């Protein structure tokens, strides 16, 4: 029997899930949209506590601008949540043990977690997500994402690290079977040239956000052609899968279909590169869990984000923030 994946607009989903006093794991980011979800949930009187994570970039190029923007958002968190908010500050490149300790603290504090992935770096939210899902103390998990009104033209990030497996998302067995690579297509390829030029890459498939608007459409195709050129692997019509940017579970189902076809039946490893929408990245994180022997998630973590990375908050026809929610655990049962 097929699993029914509970997801949709945040207002709709929270009317369907178990009643709980939720702990919200949020981000004190420089982006305006980082406050949208916590504020909306607080209006529903269901937020018991907020863990607000402030991740400092190692590259200090835009330090003053970023600090001013973060201070503005921190003031909003403090004004609304007062003694219910705990601020957690760490450098982006801290050891994974720091995030492991935080995951334990979250599980000790509550059995119901909202993980707002909107402005959390993948290096952080991937690790927290994995730990919370496998922790039996955590009964309910909802991941949420707030859409930005727009993104700047040109560079969004700089100073990316060499490509490597995200902490907690490496392959735990070593073999030379070769890899099928799944690329979630976004705007930038970071420093993936060396990885894609390796002889172990046997095939590449692309998870393409649809429908992209201009200039997203142009940027997505530019990245796809760049990756195909670097890797030397030709792009065929069946190499591209178009899935709505917000339909995380459809992306996860497709990844699992590819895994059954190429990993189980043909013996390849499956490496995933999350360059596209955060929601497609979330699907890759979930696809990895339970498949550690033959999978890894490769990423080139930027060490610097531009202060104007995104602008504003996307709003729907009712002028409400466009926020999507995905139920990952309910009453202790995984929903994926």
C-alpha atoms as a PDB file:
ATOM      1  CA  UNK A   1       0.000   0.000   0.000  1.00  0.00           C
ATOM      2  CA  UNK A   2       1.318   3.437  -0.956  1.00  0.00           C
ATOM      3  CA  UNK A   3       2.177   5.804   1.878  1.00  0.00           C
ATOM      4  CA  UNK A   4       0.073   8.960   2.036  1.00  0.00           C
ATOM      5  CA  UNK A   5       2.514  11.822   2.461  1.00  0.00           C
ATOM      6  CA  UNK A   6       1.002  14.671   4.551  1.00  0.00           C
ATOM      7  CA  UNK A   7       2.141  18.026   3.199  1.00  0.00           C
ATOM      8  CA  UNK A   8       0.740  21.362   2.081  1.00  0.00           C
ATOM      9  CA  UNK A   9       0.347  24.968   3.142  1.00  0.00           C
ATOM     10  CA  UNK A  10       1.260  25.390   6.785  1.00  0.00           C
ATOM     11  CA  UNK A  11      -2.251  26.453   7.879  1.00  0.00           C
ATOM     12  CA  UNK A  12      -3.791  23.350   6.328  1.00  0.00           C
ATOM     13  CA  UNK A  13      -1.256  20.851   7.653  1.00  0.00           C
ATOM     14  CA  UNK A  14      -1.283  22.021  11.263  1.00  0.00           C
ATOM     15  CA  UNK A  15      -5.034  21.464  11.254  1.00  0.00           C
ATOM     16  CA  UNK A  16      -4.464  17.784  10.448  1.00  0.00           C
ATOM     17  CA  UNK A  17      -1.546  16.726  12.662  1.00  0.00           C
ATOM     18  CA  UNK A  18      -1.652  15.669  16.342  1.00  0.00           C
ATOM     19  CA  UNK A  19      -2.234  18.436  18.873  1.00  0.00           C
ATOM     20  CA  UNK A  20       1.053  19.293  20.554  1.00  0.00           C
ATOM     21  CA  UNK A  21       3.077  22.031  22.172  1.00  0.00           C
ATOM     22  CA  UNK A  22       5.709  22.481  19.528  1.00  0.00           C
ATOM     23  CA  UNK A  23       9.366  23.378  19.861  1.00  0.00           C
ATOM     24  CA  UNK A  24      10.365  25.375  16.784  1.00  0.00           C
ATOM     25  CA  UNK A  25      13.952  25.087  15.562  1.00  0.00           C
ATOM     26  CA  UNK A  26      14.395  28.367  13.701  1.00  0.00           C
ATOM     27  CA  UNK A  27      17.244  30.403  12.269  1.00  0.00           C
ATOM     28  CA  UNK A  28      18.279  33.909  13.204  1.00  0.00           C
ATOM     29  CA  UNK A  29      19.379  34.622   9.658  1.00  0.00           C
ATOM     30  CA  UNK A  30      20.026  37.806   7.726  1.00  0.00           C
ATOM     31  CA  UNK A  31      17.046  36.927   5.482  1.00  0.00           C
ATOM     32  CA  UNK A  32      13.723  38.608   6.212  1.00  0.00           C
ATOM     33  CA  UNK A  33      11.801  35.354   5.694  1.00  0.00           C
ATOM     34  CA  UNK A  34      13.475  33.595   8.647  1.00  0.00           C
ATOM     35  CA  UNK A  35      10.865  35.010  11.066  1.00  0.00           C
ATOM     36  CA  UNK A  36       7.754  34.248   8.987  1.00  0.00           C
ATOM     37  CA  UNK A  37       7.033  30.690  10.162  1.00  0.00           C
ATOM     38  CA  UNK A  38       7.656  31.187  13.917  1.00  0.00           C
ATOM     39  CA  UNK A  39       5.440  34.281  13.915  1.00  0.00           C
ATOM     40  CA  UNK A  40       2.634  32.499  12.064  1.00  0.00           C
ATOM     41  CA  UNK A  41       2.731  29.501  14.415  1.00  0.00           C
ATOM     42  CA  UNK A  42       2.770  31.772  17.459  1.00  0.00           C
ATOM     43  CA  UNK A  43      -0.515  33.295  16.305  1.00  0.00           C
ATOM     44  CA  UNK A  44      -1.981  29.782  16.579  1.00  0.00           C
ATOM     45  CA  UNK A  45      -0.843  29.582  20.225  1.00  0.00           C
ATOM     46  CA  UNK A  46       0.953  26.275  19.649  1.00  0.00           C
ATOM     47  CA  UNK A  47       4.590  27.330  20.146  1.00  0.00           C
ATOM     48  CA  UNK A  48       5.972  26.251  23.495  1.00  0.00           C
ATOM     49  CA  UNK A  49       9.605  27.127  22.848  1.00  0.00           C
ATOM     50  CA  UNK A  50      11.924  28.377  20.096  1.00  0.00           C
ATOM     51  CA  UNK A  51      15.534  27.333  19.574  1.00  0.00           C
ATOM     52  CA  UNK A  52      16.907  30.084  17.344  1.00  0.00           C
ATOM     53  CA  UNK A  53      20.185  29.143  15.624  1.00  0.00           C
ATOM     54  CA  UNK A  54      22.603  31.848  14.495  1.00  0.00           C
ATOM     55  CA  UNK A  55      25.265  30.419  12.186  1.00  0.00           C
ATOM     56  CA  UNK A  56      28.272  32.697  11.639  1.00  0.00           C
ATOM     57  CA  UNK A  57      30.050  32.599   8.283  1.00  0.00           C
ATOM     58  CA  UNK A  58      33.824  31.970   8.466  1.00  0.00           C
ATOM     59  CA  UNK A  59      34.356  34.529   5.707  1.00  0.00           C
ATOM     60  CA  UNK A  60      33.901  38.002   7.239  1.00  0.00           C
ATOM     61  CA  UNK A  61      33.599  39.978   3.990  1.00  0.00           C
ATOM     62  CA  UNK A  62      30.029  41.175   4.634  1.00  0.00           C
ATOM     63  CA  UNK A  63      30.204  40.983   8.421  1.00  0.00           C
ATOM     64  CA  UNK A  64      28.823  44.442   9.212  1.00  0.00           C
ATOM     65  CA  UNK A  65      25.865  44.169   6.832  1.00  0.00           C
ATOM     66  CA  UNK A  66      25.005  40.665   8.013  1.00  0.00           C
ATOM     67  CA  UNK A  67      25.189  41.674  11.686  1.00  0.00           C
ATOM     68  CA  UNK A  68      22.764  44.567  11.149  1.00  0.00           C
ATOM     69  CA  UNK A  69      20.231  42.341   9.377  1.00  0.00           C
ATOM     70  CA  UNK A  70      20.549  39.596  11.995  1.00  0.00           C
ATOM     71  CA  UNK A  71      20.132  42.096  14.832  1.00  0.00           C
ATOM     72  CA  UNK A  72      16.849  43.267  13.299  1.00  0.00           C
ATOM     73  CA  UNK A  73      15.500  39.710  13.107  1.00  0.00           C
ATOM     74  CA  UNK A  74      16.779  38.827  16.577  1.00  0.00           C
ATOM     75  CA  UNK A  75      14.881  41.803  17.968  1.00  0.00           C
ATOM     76  CA  UNK A  76      11.691  40.423  16.407  1.00  0.00           C
ATOM     77  CA  UNK A  77      12.252  36.984  17.959  1.00  0.00           C
ATOM     78  CA  UNK A  78      12.903  38.539  21.374  1.00  0.00           C
ATOM     79  CA  UNK A  79       9.899  40.864  21.212  1.00  0.00           C
ATOM     80  CA  UNK A  80       7.453  38.107  20.233  1.00  0.00           C
ATOM     81  CA  UNK A  81       8.766  35.113  22.175  1.00  0.00           C
ATOM     82  CA  UNK A  82      10.501  36.788  25.134  1.00  0.00           C
ATOM     83  CA  UNK A  83      11.528  34.080  27.621  1.00  0.00           C
ATOM     84  CA  UNK A  84      10.404  31.289  25.259  1.00  0.00           C
ATOM     85  CA  UNK A  85      13.319  31.791  22.853  1.00  0.00           C
ATOM     86  CA  UNK A  86      16.850  30.446  23.310  1.00  0.00           C
ATOM     87  CA  UNK A  87      19.544  31.836  21.041  1.00  0.00           C
ATOM     88  CA  UNK A  88      22.225  29.373  19.917  1.00  0.00           C
ATOM     89  CA  UNK A  89      25.276  30.812  18.182  1.00  0.00           C
ATOM     90  CA  UNK A  90      27.928  28.744  16.415  1.00  0.00           C
ATOM     91  CA  UNK A  91      30.336  29.091  13.528  1.00  0.00           C
ATOM     92  CA  UNK A  92      29.348  27.352  10.309  1.00  0.00           C
ATOM     93  CA  UNK A  93      32.424  25.128  10.405  1.00  0.00           C
ATOM     94  CA  UNK A  94      32.074  23.790  13.974  1.00  0.00           C
ATOM     95  CA  UNK A  95      32.508  20.062  14.477  1.00  0.00           C
ATOM     96  CA  UNK A  96      29.378  17.891  13.978  1.00  0.00           C
ATOM     97  CA  UNK A  97      29.464  17.010  17.680  1.00  0.00           C
ATOM     98  CA  UNK A  98      28.106  20.493  18.422  1.00  0.00           C
ATOM     99  CA  UNK A  99      24.983  19.802  16.362  1.00  0.00           C
ATOM    100  CA  UNK A 100      24.749  16.312  17.834  1.00  0.00           C
ATOM    101  CA  UNK A 101      24.578  17.846  21.317  1.00  0.00           C
ATOM    102  CA  UNK A 102      21.916  20.286  20.139  1.00  0.00           C
ATOM    103  CA  UNK A 103      19.820  17.442  18.700  1.00  0.00           C
ATOM    104  CA  UNK A 104      20.002  15.706  22.090  1.00  0.00           C
ATOM    105  CA  UNK A 105      18.937  18.917  23.852  1.00  0.00           C
ATOM    106  CA  UNK A 106      15.949  19.239  21.515  1.00  0.00           C
ATOM    107  CA  UNK A 107      14.879  15.627  22.100  1.00  0.00           C
ATOM    108  CA  UNK A 108      15.167  16.120  25.862  1.00  0.00           C
ATOM    109  CA  UNK A 109      13.042  19.270  25.732  1.00  0.00           C
ATOM    110  CA  UNK A 110      10.098  18.014  23.673  1.00  0.00           C
ATOM    111  CA  UNK A 111       8.587  15.174  21.683  1.00  0.00           C
ATOM    112  CA  UNK A 112       7.200  17.500  18.971  1.00  0.00           C
ATOM    113  CA  UNK A 113       9.537  19.482  16.719  1.00  0.00           C
ATOM    114  CA  UNK A 114       9.044  21.949  13.895  1.00  0.00           C
ATOM    115  CA  UNK A 115      12.264  22.211  11.885  1.00  0.00           C
ATOM    116  CA  UNK A 116      12.291  25.418   9.849  1.00  0.00           C
ATOM    117  CA  UNK A 117      14.776  24.729   7.046  1.00  0.00           C
ATOM    118  CA  UNK A 118      14.146  28.087   5.341  1.00  0.00           C
ATOM    119  CA  UNK A 119      17.418  29.783   6.244  1.00  0.00           C
ATOM    120  CA  UNK A 120      19.432  27.017   7.918  1.00  0.00           C
ATOM    121  CA  UNK A 121      22.540  25.900   6.003  1.00  0.00           C
ATOM    122  CA  UNK A 122      22.361  22.352   4.650  1.00  0.00           C
ATOM    123  CA  UNK A 123      25.366  21.412   6.784  1.00  0.00           C
ATOM    124  CA  UNK A 124      23.238  22.157   9.854  1.00  0.00           C
ATOM    125  CA  UNK A 125      19.689  21.107   9.029  1.00  0.00           C
ATOM    126  CA  UNK A 126      20.676  17.817   7.356  1.00  0.00           C
ATOM    127  CA  UNK A 127      22.463  16.698  10.512  1.00  0.00           C
ATOM    128  CA  UNK A 128      19.717  17.815  12.902  1.00  0.00           C
ATOM    129  CA  UNK A 129      17.045  16.227  10.734  1.00  0.00           C
ATOM    130  CA  UNK A 130      18.749  12.833  10.689  1.00  0.00           C
ATOM    131  CA  UNK A 131      19.323  12.781  14.441  1.00  0.00           C
ATOM    132  CA  UNK A 132      15.766  13.829  15.280  1.00  0.00           C
ATOM    133  CA  UNK A 133      14.171  11.308  12.924  1.00  0.00           C
ATOM    134  CA  UNK A 134      16.037   8.342  14.419  1.00  0.00           C
ATOM    135  CA  UNK A 135      15.502   9.503  18.030  1.00  0.00           C
ATOM    136  CA  UNK A 136      12.593   7.508  19.475  1.00  0.00           C
ATOM    137  CA  UNK A 137      11.865  10.270  21.997  1.00  0.00           C
ATOM    138  CA  UNK A 138      10.752  12.578  19.180  1.00  0.00           C
ATOM    139  CA  UNK A 139       7.230  11.542  18.166  1.00  0.00           C
ATOM    140  CA  UNK A 140       6.224  14.368  15.812  1.00  0.00           C
ATOM    141  CA  UNK A 141       8.384  16.200  13.269  1.00  0.00           C
ATOM    142  CA  UNK A 142       7.249  18.769  10.737  1.00  0.00           C
ATOM    143  CA  UNK A 143       9.725  20.413   8.370  1.00  0.00           C
ATOM    144  CA  UNK A 144       8.749  23.826   6.990  1.00  0.00           C
ATOM    145  CA  UNK A 145       9.970  26.130   4.252  1.00  0.00           C
ATOM    146  CA  UNK A 146       9.104  29.781   3.535  1.00  0.00           C
ATOM    147  CA  UNK A 147       9.452  30.970  -0.053  1.00  0.00           C
ATOM    148  CA  UNK A 148      11.353  34.158  -0.812  1.00  0.00           C
ATOM    149  CA  UNK A 149       9.807  36.863  -2.973  1.00  0.00           C
ATOM    150  CA  UNK A 150      12.874  36.888  -5.229  1.00  0.00           C
ATOM    151  CA  UNK A 151      16.594  36.153  -5.452  1.00  0.00           C
ATOM    152  CA  UNK A 152      19.339  38.475  -6.602  1.00  0.00           C
ATOM    153  CA  UNK A 153      20.920  38.185 -10.019  1.00  0.00           C
ATOM    154  CA  UNK A 154      24.551  37.110 -10.074  1.00  0.00           C
ATOM    155  CA  UNK A 155      26.405  35.433  -7.240  1.00  0.00           C
ATOM    156  CA  UNK A 156      24.414  34.418  -4.187  1.00  0.00           C
ATOM    157  CA  UNK A 157      27.361  32.902  -2.314  1.00  0.00           C
ATOM    158  CA  UNK A 158      31.160  32.810  -2.407  1.00  0.00           C
ATOM    159  CA  UNK A 159      34.172  30.937  -1.060  1.00  0.00           C
ATOM    160  CA  UNK A 160      32.752  27.416  -1.299  1.00  0.00           C
ATOM    161  CA  UNK A 161      34.593  24.543   0.360  1.00  0.00           C
ATOM    162  CA  UNK A 162      35.848  21.583  -1.700  1.00  0.00           C
ATOM    163  CA  UNK A 163      33.066  19.060  -2.359  1.00  0.00           C
ATOM    164  CA  UNK A 164      32.661  16.413   0.311  1.00  0.00           C
ATOM    165  CA  UNK A 165      29.952  14.397   2.025  1.00  0.00           C
ATOM    166  CA  UNK A 166      27.857  16.439   4.423  1.00  0.00           C
ATOM    167  CA  UNK A 167      28.449  15.444   8.077  1.00  0.00           C
ATOM    168  CA  UNK A 168      26.464  12.298   8.817  1.00  0.00           C
ATOM    169  CA  UNK A 169      25.715  11.712   5.127  1.00  0.00           C
ATOM    170  CA  UNK A 170      28.784   9.856   3.890  1.00  0.00           C
ATOM    171  CA  UNK A 171      28.842   6.375   2.403  1.00  0.00           C
ATOM    172  CA  UNK A 172      29.862   3.878   5.084  1.00  0.00           C
ATOM    173  CA  UNK A 173      31.265   1.239   2.715  1.00  0.00           C
ATOM    174  CA  UNK A 174      34.083   1.657   0.207  1.00  0.00           C
ATOM    175  CA  UNK A 175      33.777   0.018  -3.201  1.00  0.00           C
ATOM    176  CA  UNK A 176      34.562   0.748  -6.833  1.00  0.00           C
ATOM    177  CA  UNK A 177      31.196  -0.086  -8.343  1.00  0.00           C
ATOM    178  CA  UNK A 178      30.840   3.422  -9.713  1.00  0.00           C
ATOM    179  CA  UNK A 179      28.137   5.946  -8.930  1.00  0.00           C
ATOM    180  CA  UNK A 180      24.888   7.186 -10.309  1.00  0.00           C
ATOM    181  CA  UNK A 181      24.838  10.907  -9.494  1.00  0.00           C
ATOM    182  CA  UNK A 182      21.574  12.754  -8.894  1.00  0.00           C
ATOM    183  CA  UNK A 183      21.871  16.540  -9.154  1.00  0.00           C
ATOM    184  CA  UNK A 184      19.133  18.750  -7.769  1.00  0.00           C
ATOM    185  CA  UNK A 185      19.467  21.647 -10.194  1.00  0.00           C
ATOM    186  CA  UNK A 186      19.709  25.178  -8.837  1.00  0.00           C
ATOM    187  CA  UNK A 187      21.613  28.337  -9.678  1.00  0.00           C
ATOM    188  CA  UNK A 188      25.264  27.553  -8.910  1.00  0.00           C
ATOM    189  CA  UNK A 189      27.599  24.555  -9.191  1.00  0.00           C
ATOM    190  CA  UNK A 190      30.046  25.721  -6.484  1.00  0.00           C
ATOM    191  CA  UNK A 191      33.347  23.767  -6.606  1.00  0.00           C
ATOM    192  CA  UNK A 192      32.097  20.475  -7.998  1.00  0.00           C
ATOM    193  CA  UNK A 193      34.428  20.273 -11.005  1.00  0.00           C
ATOM    194  CA  UNK A 194      36.932  17.872  -9.419  1.00  0.00           C
ATOM    195  CA  UNK A 195      34.219  15.543  -8.167  1.00  0.00           C
ATOM    196  CA  UNK A 196      32.338  15.427 -11.473  1.00  0.00           C
ATOM    197  CA  UNK A 197      35.512  14.755 -13.461  1.00  0.00           C
ATOM    198  CA  UNK A 198      36.208  11.543 -11.526  1.00  0.00           C
ATOM    199  CA  UNK A 199      35.982   8.326 -13.484  1.00  0.00           C
ATOM    200  CA  UNK A 200      33.664   6.814 -10.870  1.00  0.00           C
ATOM    201  CA  UNK A 201      30.711   8.891 -12.144  1.00  0.00           C
ATOM    202  CA  UNK A 202      28.896   6.481 -14.469  1.00  0.00           C
ATOM    203  CA  UNK A 203      25.621   8.279 -15.007  1.00  0.00           C
ATOM    204  CA  UNK A 204      23.992  11.586 -14.069  1.00  0.00           C
ATOM    205  CA  UNK A 205      20.312  12.335 -13.625  1.00  0.00           C
ATOM    206  CA  UNK A 206      18.866  15.769 -12.937  1.00  0.00           C
ATOM    207  CA  UNK A 207      16.062  16.745 -10.581  1.00  0.00           C
ATOM    208  CA  UNK A 208      14.714  19.910 -12.174  1.00  0.00           C
ATOM    209  CA  UNK A 209      12.420  22.366 -10.322  1.00  0.00           C
ATOM    210  CA  UNK A 210       9.254  23.043 -12.248  1.00  0.00           C
ATOM    211  CA  UNK A 211       7.726  25.383 -13.184  1.00  0.00           C
ATOM    212  CA  UNK A 212      10.629  27.830 -12.835  1.00  0.00           C
ATOM    213  CA  UNK A 213      10.034  31.458 -13.692  1.00  0.00           C
ATOM    214  CA  UNK A 214      12.511  33.781 -15.348  1.00  0.00           C
ATOM    215  CA  UNK A 215      15.369  34.259 -14.466  1.00  0.00           C
ATOM    216  CA  UNK A 216      15.248  30.927 -12.607  1.00  0.00           C
ATOM    217  CA  UNK A 217      14.576  29.016 -15.816  1.00  0.00           C
ATOM    218  CA  UNK A 218      17.663  30.430 -17.518  1.00  0.00           C
ATOM    219  CA  UNK A 219      19.872  29.862 -14.478  1.00  0.00           C
ATOM    220  CA  UNK A 220      18.722  26.243 -14.039  1.00  0.00           C
ATOM    221  CA  UNK A 221      19.452  25.293 -17.640  1.00  0.00           C
ATOM    222  CA  UNK A 222      22.804  27.062 -17.577  1.00  0.00           C
ATOM    223  CA  UNK A 223      23.830  24.969 -14.571  1.00  0.00           C
ATOM    224  CA  UNK A 224      22.601  21.736 -16.164  1.00  0.00           C
ATOM    225  CA  UNK A 225      24.659  22.331 -19.325  1.00  0.00           C
ATOM    226  CA  UNK A 226      27.705  23.291 -17.251  1.00  0.00           C
ATOM    227  CA  UNK A 227      27.555  20.079 -15.217  1.00  0.00           C
ATOM    228  CA  UNK A 228      27.093  17.953 -18.340  1.00  0.00           C
ATOM    229  CA  UNK A 229      30.140  19.602 -19.923  1.00  0.00           C
ATOM    230  CA  UNK A 230      32.349  19.180 -16.847  1.00  0.00           C
ATOM    231  CA  UNK A 231      31.407  15.554 -16.243  1.00  0.00           C
ATOM    232  CA  UNK A 232      31.548  14.446 -19.858  1.00  0.00           C
ATOM    233  CA  UNK A 233      28.316  12.496 -19.313  1.00  0.00           C
ATOM    234  CA  UNK A 234      25.777  13.184 -22.061  1.00  0.00           C
ATOM    235  CA  UNK A 235      22.325  14.448 -21.104  1.00  0.00           C
ATOM    236  CA  UNK A 236      19.415  12.432 -22.482  1.00  0.00           C
ATOM    237  CA  UNK A 237      15.719  13.190 -22.308  1.00  0.00           C
ATOM    238  CA  UNK A 238      15.154  10.546 -19.633  1.00  0.00           C
ATOM    239  CA  UNK A 239      17.998  12.003 -17.553  1.00  0.00           C
ATOM    240  CA  UNK A 240      15.851  14.981 -16.525  1.00  0.00           C
ATOM    241  CA  UNK A 241      12.944  14.724 -14.087  1.00  0.00           C
ATOM    242  CA  UNK A 242      10.779  17.799 -13.636  1.00  0.00           C
ATOM    243  CA  UNK A 243       9.084  18.062 -10.246  1.00  0.00           C
ATOM    244  CA  UNK A 244       7.403  21.071  -8.649  1.00  0.00           C
ATOM    245  CA  UNK A 245       9.860  22.887  -6.401  1.00  0.00           C
ATOM    246  CA  UNK A 246       7.574  22.550  -3.361  1.00  0.00           C
ATOM    247  CA  UNK A 247       6.506  18.921  -3.903  1.00  0.00           C
ATOM    248  CA  UNK A 248       9.167  17.400  -1.675  1.00  0.00           C
ATOM    249  CA  UNK A 249       7.500  14.016  -1.385  1.00  0.00           C
ATOM    250  CA  UNK A 250       7.208  13.638  -5.180  1.00  0.00           C
ATOM    251  CA  UNK A 251      10.953  14.261  -5.372  1.00  0.00           C
ATOM    252  CA  UNK A 252      11.534  11.670  -2.638  1.00  0.00           C
ATOM    253  CA  UNK A 253       9.366   9.087  -4.408  1.00  0.00           C
ATOM    254  CA  UNK A 254      11.333   9.614  -7.633  1.00  0.00           C
ATOM    255  CA  UNK A 255      14.658   9.258  -5.812  1.00  0.00           C
ATOM    256  CA  UNK A 256      13.465   5.996  -4.293  1.00  0.00           C
ATOM    257  CA  UNK A 257      12.360   4.723  -7.712  1.00  0.00           C
ATOM    258  CA  UNK A 258      15.800   5.500  -9.141  1.00  0.00           C
ATOM    259  CA  UNK A 259      17.418   3.815  -6.147  1.00  0.00           C
ATOM    260  CA  UNK A 260      15.444   0.616  -6.772  1.00  0.00           C
ATOM    261  CA  UNK A 261      16.314   0.649 -10.466  1.00  0.00           C
ATOM    262  CA  UNK A 262      19.988   1.641 -10.411  1.00  0.00           C
ATOM    263  CA  UNK A 263      21.252   0.655  -6.949  1.00  0.00           C
ATOM    264  CA  UNK A 264      19.318  -2.477  -6.049  1.00  0.00           C
ATOM    265  CA  UNK A 265      19.116  -3.923  -9.569  1.00  0.00           C
ATOM    266  CA  UNK A 266      22.389  -2.695 -11.113  1.00  0.00           C
ATOM    267  CA  UNK A 267      24.676  -2.454  -8.080  1.00  0.00           C
ATOM    268  CA  UNK A 268      25.658   1.198  -8.462  1.00  0.00           C
ATOM    269  CA  UNK A 269      26.154   3.626  -5.610  1.00  0.00           C
ATOM    270  CA  UNK A 270      23.835   6.636  -5.536  1.00  0.00           C
ATOM    271  CA  UNK A 271      25.399  10.009  -4.805  1.00  0.00           C
ATOM    272  CA  UNK A 272      23.181  13.067  -4.451  1.00  0.00           C
ATOM    273  CA  UNK A 273      24.178  16.703  -4.949  1.00  0.00           C
ATOM    274  CA  UNK A 274      21.665  19.226  -3.491  1.00  0.00           C
ATOM    275  CA  UNK A 275      22.086  22.449  -5.482  1.00  0.00           C
ATOM    276  CA  UNK A 276      18.409  23.218  -6.059  1.00  0.00           C
ATOM    277  CA  UNK A 277      15.421  24.159  -3.891  1.00  0.00           C
ATOM    278  CA  UNK A 278      15.720  23.440  -0.174  1.00  0.00           C
ATOM    279  CA  UNK A 279      12.677  21.194  -0.438  1.00  0.00           C
ATOM    280  CA  UNK A 280      14.388  18.984  -3.035  1.00  0.00           C
ATOM    281  CA  UNK A 281      17.437  18.938  -0.750  1.00  0.00           C
ATOM    282  CA  UNK A 282      15.161  17.750   2.061  1.00  0.00           C
ATOM    283  CA  UNK A 283      14.046  14.875  -0.181  1.00  0.00           C
ATOM    284  CA  UNK A 284      17.682  13.880  -0.698  1.00  0.00           C
ATOM    285  CA  UNK A 285      18.309  13.881   3.048  1.00  0.00           C
ATOM    286  CA  UNK A 286      15.326  11.587   3.619  1.00  0.00           C
ATOM    287  CA  UNK A 287      16.321   9.302   0.735  1.00  0.00           C
ATOM    288  CA  UNK A 288      19.745   8.815   2.321  1.00  0.00           C
ATOM    289  CA  UNK A 289      18.415   7.755   5.730  1.00  0.00           C
ATOM    290  CA  UNK A 290      18.406   3.966   5.856  1.00  0.00           C
ATOM    291  CA  UNK A 291      20.560   3.670   2.726  1.00  0.00           C
ATOM    292  CA  UNK A 292      23.939   4.672   4.158  1.00  0.00           C
ATOM    293  CA  UNK A 293      25.854   1.729   2.668  1.00  0.00           C
ATOM    294  CA  UNK A 294      25.343   2.772  -0.943  1.00  0.00           C
ATOM    295  CA  UNK A 295      24.621   6.511  -0.750  1.00  0.00           C
ATOM    296  CA  UNK A 296      26.126   9.823   0.162  1.00  0.00           C
ATOM    297  CA  UNK A 297      25.154  13.463  -0.142  1.00  0.00           C
ATOM    298  CA  UNK A 298      27.907  15.580  -1.689  1.00  0.00           C
ATOM    299  CA  UNK A 299      27.975  19.328  -1.192  1.00  0.00           C
ATOM    300  CA  UNK A 300      30.355  22.225  -1.542  1.00  0.00           C
ATOM    301  CA  UNK A 301      29.393  24.359   1.463  1.00  0.00           C
ATOM    302  CA  UNK A 302      29.638  28.130   0.827  1.00  0.00           C
ATOM    303  CA  UNK A 303      31.566  30.011   3.503  1.00  0.00           C
ATOM    304  CA  UNK A 304      30.002  33.359   2.570  1.00  0.00           C
ATOM    305  CA  UNK A 305      26.416  34.394   1.793  1.00  0.00           C
ATOM    306  CA  UNK A 306      25.580  37.729   0.203  1.00  0.00           C
ATOM    307  CA  UNK A 307      23.442  40.033   2.380  1.00  0.00           C
ATOM    308  CA  UNK A 308      20.963  40.435  -0.495  1.00  0.00           C
ATOM    309  CA  UNK A 309      20.802  36.671  -1.114  1.00  0.00           C
ATOM    310  CA  UNK A 310      16.998  36.873  -1.139  1.00  0.00           C
ATOM    311  CA  UNK A 311      14.422  39.626  -0.990  1.00  0.00           C
ATOM    312  CA  UNK A 312      11.219  39.630   0.994  1.00  0.00           C
ATOM    313  CA  UNK A 313       8.640  36.909   1.530  1.00  0.00           C
ATOM    314  CA  UNK A 314       6.460  35.350  -1.166  1.00  0.00           C
ATOM    315  CA  UNK A 315       2.783  35.906  -0.375  1.00  0.00           C
ATOM    316  CA  UNK A 316      -0.314  34.065  -1.555  1.00  0.00           C
ATOM    317  CA  UNK A 317      -3.635  35.437  -2.814  1.00  0.00           C
ATOM    318  CA  UNK A 318      -4.679  36.144   0.784  1.00  0.00           C
ATOM    319  CA  UNK A 319      -1.454  38.080   1.422  1.00  0.00           C
ATOM    320  CA  UNK A 320      -0.256  35.385   3.832  1.00  0.00           C
ATOM    321  CA  UNK A 321       3.370  34.199   3.757  1.00  0.00           C
ATOM    322  CA  UNK A 322       3.717  31.250   1.391  1.00  0.00           C
ATOM    323  CA  UNK A 323       4.949  28.571   3.776  1.00  0.00           C
ATOM    324  CA  UNK A 324       4.921  24.839   3.077  1.00  0.00           C
ATOM    325  CA  UNK A 325       4.940  22.127   5.726  1.00  0.00           C
ATOM    326  CA  UNK A 326       5.900  18.444   5.478  1.00  0.00           C
ATOM    327  CA  UNK A 327       4.955  15.924   8.166  1.00  0.00           C
ATOM    328  CA  UNK A 328       7.892  13.538   8.605  1.00  0.00           C
ATOM    329  CA  UNK A 329       6.833  11.800  11.840  1.00  0.00           C
ATOM    330  CA  UNK A 330       3.434  11.578  13.498  1.00  0.00           C
ATOM    331  CA  UNK A 331       2.812   9.753  16.768  1.00  0.00           C
ATOM    332  CA  UNK A 332       6.222   8.133  16.410  1.00  0.00           C
ATOM    333  CA  UNK A 333       5.555   6.780  12.900  1.00  0.00           C
ATOM    334  CA  UNK A 334       7.659   7.929   9.930  1.00  0.00           C
ATOM    335  CA  UNK A 335       5.612   9.395   7.091  1.00  0.00           C
ATOM    336  CA  UNK A 336       8.094   8.707   4.300  1.00  0.00           C
END
